[in-house]
Amino acid sequence: MKGQFVTLEHVFFFVIGVVMTIVVYYAFSGIADNIEKTGVHYQLLRVAEALRWQLTSVYLAGNETGARIEVGVEIPVQVSGCVYGIKRGLVVFCEETGESVEAFVPFPLEIKNEIIYSSSGRINITYEEGRLWME
């Protein structure tokens, strides 16, 4: 009887160890998902703010000089492993995670082709006769 008790005790502790491992795994995977989602949000926000700064600079320079201005801007191809898009209203979004951020632009902005994807790594900003657009 004593030999069976030791075997049952080992099986019991093994089961407790497996359950604890599963609980720890799911707890940390939930935390990792939350951190990843927050990271994507802030990286999209940084991209949106950088684009807003570039757009504002081009708009103000074009408005002051009355000249046609065309600027190529390098953008990150991915943020947190996500190819993102930019659409009307300067909304930067990641379809994989569903995250999106919007940067306020105080002047009319057009986007050719409705959505610009980051896979090219470059955006062209053009100002001409009071119009500003990205492609």
C-alpha atoms as a PDB file:
ATOM      1  CA  MET A   1       0.000   0.000   0.000  1.00  0.00           C
ATOM      2  CA  LYS A   2       2.840   2.358   0.807  1.00  0.00           C
ATOM      3  CA  GLY A   3       4.353   1.912  -2.700  1.00  0.00           C
ATOM      4  CA  GLN A   4       1.040   2.852  -4.310  1.00  0.00           C
ATOM      5  CA  PHE A   5       0.789   5.973  -2.152  1.00  0.00           C
ATOM      6  CA  VAL A   6       4.193   7.218  -3.376  1.00  0.00           C
ATOM      7  CA  THR A   7       3.190   6.587  -7.024  1.00  0.00           C
ATOM      8  CA  LEU A   8      -0.122   8.387  -6.585  1.00  0.00           C
ATOM      9  CA  GLU A   9       1.675  11.255  -4.883  1.00  0.00           C
ATOM     10  CA  HIS A  10       4.044  11.612  -7.860  1.00  0.00           C
ATOM     11  CA  VAL A  11       1.148  11.515 -10.335  1.00  0.00           C
ATOM     12  CA  PHE A  12      -0.736  14.103  -8.275  1.00  0.00           C
ATOM     13  CA  PHE A  13       2.262  16.480  -8.207  1.00  0.00           C
ATOM     14  CA  PHE A  14       2.842  15.930 -11.939  1.00  0.00           C
ATOM     15  CA  VAL A  15      -0.783  16.889 -12.691  1.00  0.00           C
ATOM     16  CA  ILE A  16      -0.475  19.988 -10.473  1.00  0.00           C
ATOM     17  CA  GLY A  17       2.706  20.959 -12.369  1.00  0.00           C
ATOM     18  CA  VAL A  18       0.994  20.552 -15.748  1.00  0.00           C
ATOM     19  CA  VAL A  19      -1.996  22.630 -14.623  1.00  0.00           C
ATOM     20  CA  MET A  20       0.291  25.373 -13.283  1.00  0.00           C
ATOM     21  CA  THR A  21       2.250  25.405 -16.561  1.00  0.00           C
ATOM     22  CA  ILE A  22      -0.959  25.779 -18.590  1.00  0.00           C
ATOM     23  CA  VAL A  23      -2.231  28.581 -16.342  1.00  0.00           C
ATOM     24  CA  VAL A  24       1.080  30.483 -16.556  1.00  0.00           C
ATOM     25  CA  TYR A  25       1.190  30.040 -20.348  1.00  0.00           C
ATOM     26  CA  TYR A  26      -2.305  31.475 -20.870  1.00  0.00           C
ATOM     27  CA  ALA A  27      -1.705  34.303 -18.411  1.00  0.00           C
ATOM     28  CA  PHE A  28       1.471  35.425 -20.179  1.00  0.00           C
ATOM     29  CA  SER A  29       0.062  34.968 -23.675  1.00  0.00           C
ATOM     30  CA  GLY A  30      -2.809  37.319 -22.733  1.00  0.00           C
ATOM     31  CA  ILE A  31      -0.333  39.862 -21.418  1.00  0.00           C
ATOM     32  CA  ALA A  32       1.818  39.519 -24.564  1.00  0.00           C
ATOM     33  CA  ASP A  33      -1.214  40.075 -26.812  1.00  0.00           C
ATOM     34  CA  ASN A  34      -2.123  43.213 -24.874  1.00  0.00           C
ATOM     35  CA  ILE A  35       1.429  44.548 -25.082  1.00  0.00           C
ATOM     36  CA  GLU A  36       1.574  43.819 -28.825  1.00  0.00           C
ATOM     37  CA  LYS A  37      -1.733  45.594 -29.454  1.00  0.00           C
ATOM     38  CA  THR A  38      -0.564  48.622 -27.466  1.00  0.00           C
ATOM     39  CA  GLY A  39       2.741  48.627 -29.339  1.00  0.00           C
ATOM     40  CA  VAL A  40       1.003  48.574 -32.724  1.00  0.00           C
ATOM     41  CA  HIS A  41      -1.258  51.443 -31.632  1.00  0.00           C
ATOM     42  CA  TYR A  42       1.640  53.676 -30.574  1.00  0.00           C
ATOM     43  CA  GLN A  43       3.708  52.856 -33.646  1.00  0.00           C
ATOM     44  CA  LEU A  44       0.764  53.700 -35.918  1.00  0.00           C
ATOM     45  CA  LEU A  45       0.345  56.930 -33.970  1.00  0.00           C
ATOM     46  CA  ARG A  46       4.011  57.822 -34.536  1.00  0.00           C
ATOM     47  CA  VAL A  47       3.645  57.192 -38.273  1.00  0.00           C
ATOM     48  CA  ALA A  48       0.488  59.338 -38.391  1.00  0.00           C
ATOM     49  CA  GLU A  49       2.174  62.177 -36.493  1.00  0.00           C
ATOM     50  CA  ALA A  50       5.268  62.065 -38.726  1.00  0.00           C
ATOM     51  CA  LEU A  51       3.073  62.194 -41.834  1.00  0.00           C
ATOM     52  CA  ARG A  52       1.056  65.062 -40.388  1.00  0.00           C
ATOM     53  CA  TRP A  53       4.253  67.005 -39.755  1.00  0.00           C
ATOM     54  CA  GLN A  54       5.428  66.415 -43.343  1.00  0.00           C
ATOM     55  CA  LEU A  55       2.024  67.329 -44.785  1.00  0.00           C
ATOM     56  CA  THR A  56       1.841  70.514 -42.746  1.00  0.00           C
ATOM     57  CA  SER A  57       5.349  71.540 -43.787  1.00  0.00           C
ATOM     58  CA  VAL A  58       4.598  71.008 -47.474  1.00  0.00           C
ATOM     59  CA  TYR A  59       1.232  72.777 -47.232  1.00  0.00           C
ATOM     60  CA  LEU A  60       2.633  75.831 -45.457  1.00  0.00           C
ATOM     61  CA  ALA A  61       5.618  76.114 -47.816  1.00  0.00           C
ATOM     62  CA  GLY A  62       3.391  75.763 -50.874  1.00  0.00           C
ATOM     63  CA  ASN A  63       0.842  78.197 -49.527  1.00  0.00           C
ATOM     64  CA  GLU A  64       3.533  80.811 -48.800  1.00  0.00           C
ATOM     65  CA  THR A  65       5.357  80.500 -52.111  1.00  0.00           C
ATOM     66  CA  GLY A  66       2.487  79.569 -54.420  1.00  0.00           C
ATOM     67  CA  ALA A  67       4.765  77.014 -56.047  1.00  0.00           C
ATOM     68  CA  ARG A  68       4.154  73.378 -56.880  1.00  0.00           C
ATOM     69  CA  ILE A  69       5.935  71.248 -54.307  1.00  0.00           C
ATOM     70  CA  GLU A  70       6.489  67.524 -54.570  1.00  0.00           C
ATOM     71  CA  VAL A  71       8.203  65.629 -51.745  1.00  0.00           C
ATOM     72  CA  GLY A  72       9.003  61.937 -51.416  1.00  0.00           C
ATOM     73  CA  VAL A  73       8.762  60.677 -47.846  1.00  0.00           C
ATOM     74  CA  GLU A  74      10.251  57.393 -46.667  1.00  0.00           C
ATOM     75  CA  ILE A  75       7.920  55.480 -44.342  1.00  0.00           C
ATOM     76  CA  PRO A  76       8.404  52.235 -42.440  1.00  0.00           C
ATOM     77  CA  VAL A  77       7.310  49.230 -44.490  1.00  0.00           C
ATOM     78  CA  GLN A  78       5.871  47.545 -41.388  1.00  0.00           C
ATOM     79  CA  VAL A  79       5.056  48.362 -37.786  1.00  0.00           C
ATOM     80  CA  SER A  80       5.222  45.413 -35.390  1.00  0.00           C
ATOM     81  CA  GLY A  81       5.194  43.046 -38.345  1.00  0.00           C
ATOM     82  CA  CYS A  82       2.037  44.602 -39.790  1.00  0.00           C
ATOM     83  CA  VAL A  83       1.779  46.162 -43.247  1.00  0.00           C
ATOM     84  CA  TYR A  84      -0.402  49.221 -42.632  1.00  0.00           C
ATOM     85  CA  GLY A  85      -2.540  51.449 -44.791  1.00  0.00           C
ATOM     86  CA  ILE A  86      -3.301  55.152 -44.929  1.00  0.00           C
ATOM     87  CA  LYS A  87      -6.709  56.408 -45.983  1.00  0.00           C
ATOM     88  CA  ARG A  88      -8.707  59.616 -46.195  1.00  0.00           C
ATOM     89  CA  GLY A  89      -8.545  61.902 -43.182  1.00  0.00           C
ATOM     90  CA  LEU A  90      -5.037  60.640 -42.410  1.00  0.00           C
ATOM     91  CA  VAL A  91      -6.274  57.435 -40.809  1.00  0.00           C
ATOM     92  CA  VAL A  92      -3.422  54.954 -40.389  1.00  0.00           C
ATOM     93  CA  PHE A  93      -4.640  51.404 -39.837  1.00  0.00           C
ATOM     94  CA  CYS A  94      -3.447  47.814 -39.544  1.00  0.00           C
ATOM     95  CA  GLU A  95      -5.916  45.283 -40.942  1.00  0.00           C
ATOM     96  CA  GLU A  96      -4.268  42.349 -39.152  1.00  0.00           C
ATOM     97  CA  THR A  97      -4.896  43.710 -35.659  1.00  0.00           C
ATOM     98  CA  GLY A  98      -7.807  46.051 -36.379  1.00  0.00           C
ATOM     99  CA  GLU A  99      -5.952  48.981 -34.825  1.00  0.00           C
ATOM    100  CA  SER A 100      -6.300  52.423 -36.366  1.00  0.00           C
ATOM    101  CA  VAL A 101      -5.361  55.974 -35.436  1.00  0.00           C
ATOM    102  CA  GLU A 102      -6.324  59.292 -36.945  1.00  0.00           C
ATOM    103  CA  ALA A 103      -4.229  62.440 -37.030  1.00  0.00           C
ATOM    104  CA  PHE A 104      -6.042  65.750 -37.418  1.00  0.00           C
ATOM    105  CA  VAL A 105      -5.043  67.698 -40.521  1.00  0.00           C
ATOM    106  CA  PRO A 106      -6.428  71.279 -40.564  1.00  0.00           C
ATOM    107  CA  PHE A 107      -6.556  71.562 -44.359  1.00  0.00           C
ATOM    108  CA  PRO A 108      -8.095  69.547 -47.202  1.00  0.00           C
ATOM    109  CA  LEU A 109      -6.122  66.408 -47.994  1.00  0.00           C
ATOM    110  CA  GLU A 110      -6.697  64.080 -50.910  1.00  0.00           C
ATOM    111  CA  ILE A 111      -5.398  60.551 -51.189  1.00  0.00           C
ATOM    112  CA  LYS A 112      -5.054  59.015 -54.634  1.00  0.00           C
ATOM    113  CA  ASN A 113      -6.319  55.423 -54.944  1.00  0.00           C
ATOM    114  CA  GLU A 114      -8.359  55.753 -51.693  1.00  0.00           C
ATOM    115  CA  ILE A 115      -5.810  53.705 -49.668  1.00  0.00           C
ATOM    116  CA  ILE A 116      -2.017  53.853 -49.674  1.00  0.00           C
ATOM    117  CA  TYR A 117      -0.281  50.752 -48.316  1.00  0.00           C
ATOM    118  CA  SER A 118       3.098  50.920 -46.615  1.00  0.00           C
ATOM    119  CA  SER A 119       4.599  48.036 -48.585  1.00  0.00           C
ATOM    120  CA  SER A 120       6.337  50.431 -51.000  1.00  0.00           C
ATOM    121  CA  GLY A 121       8.118  52.230 -48.148  1.00  0.00           C
ATOM    122  CA  ARG A 122       7.548  55.611 -49.772  1.00  0.00           C
ATOM    123  CA  ILE A 123       4.800  58.233 -50.101  1.00  0.00           C
ATOM    124  CA  ASN A 124       4.756  61.193 -52.451  1.00  0.00           C
ATOM    125  CA  ILE A 125       3.227  64.409 -51.106  1.00  0.00           C
ATOM    126  CA  THR A 126       2.265  67.059 -53.652  1.00  0.00           C
ATOM    127  CA  TYR A 127       1.008  70.618 -53.236  1.00  0.00           C
ATOM    128  CA  GLU A 128      -0.328  72.620 -56.168  1.00  0.00           C
ATOM    129  CA  GLU A 129      -2.664  75.618 -56.294  1.00  0.00           C
ATOM    130  CA  GLY A 130      -4.129  75.123 -52.823  1.00  0.00           C
ATOM    131  CA  ARG A 131      -4.525  71.346 -53.192  1.00  0.00           C
ATOM    132  CA  LEU A 132      -2.540  68.821 -51.195  1.00  0.00           C
ATOM    133  CA  TRP A 133      -2.506  65.125 -51.978  1.00  0.00           C
ATOM    134  CA  MET A 134      -0.615  61.925 -51.235  1.00  0.00           C
ATOM    135  CA  GLU A 135       0.056  58.991 -53.512  1.00  0.00           C
END
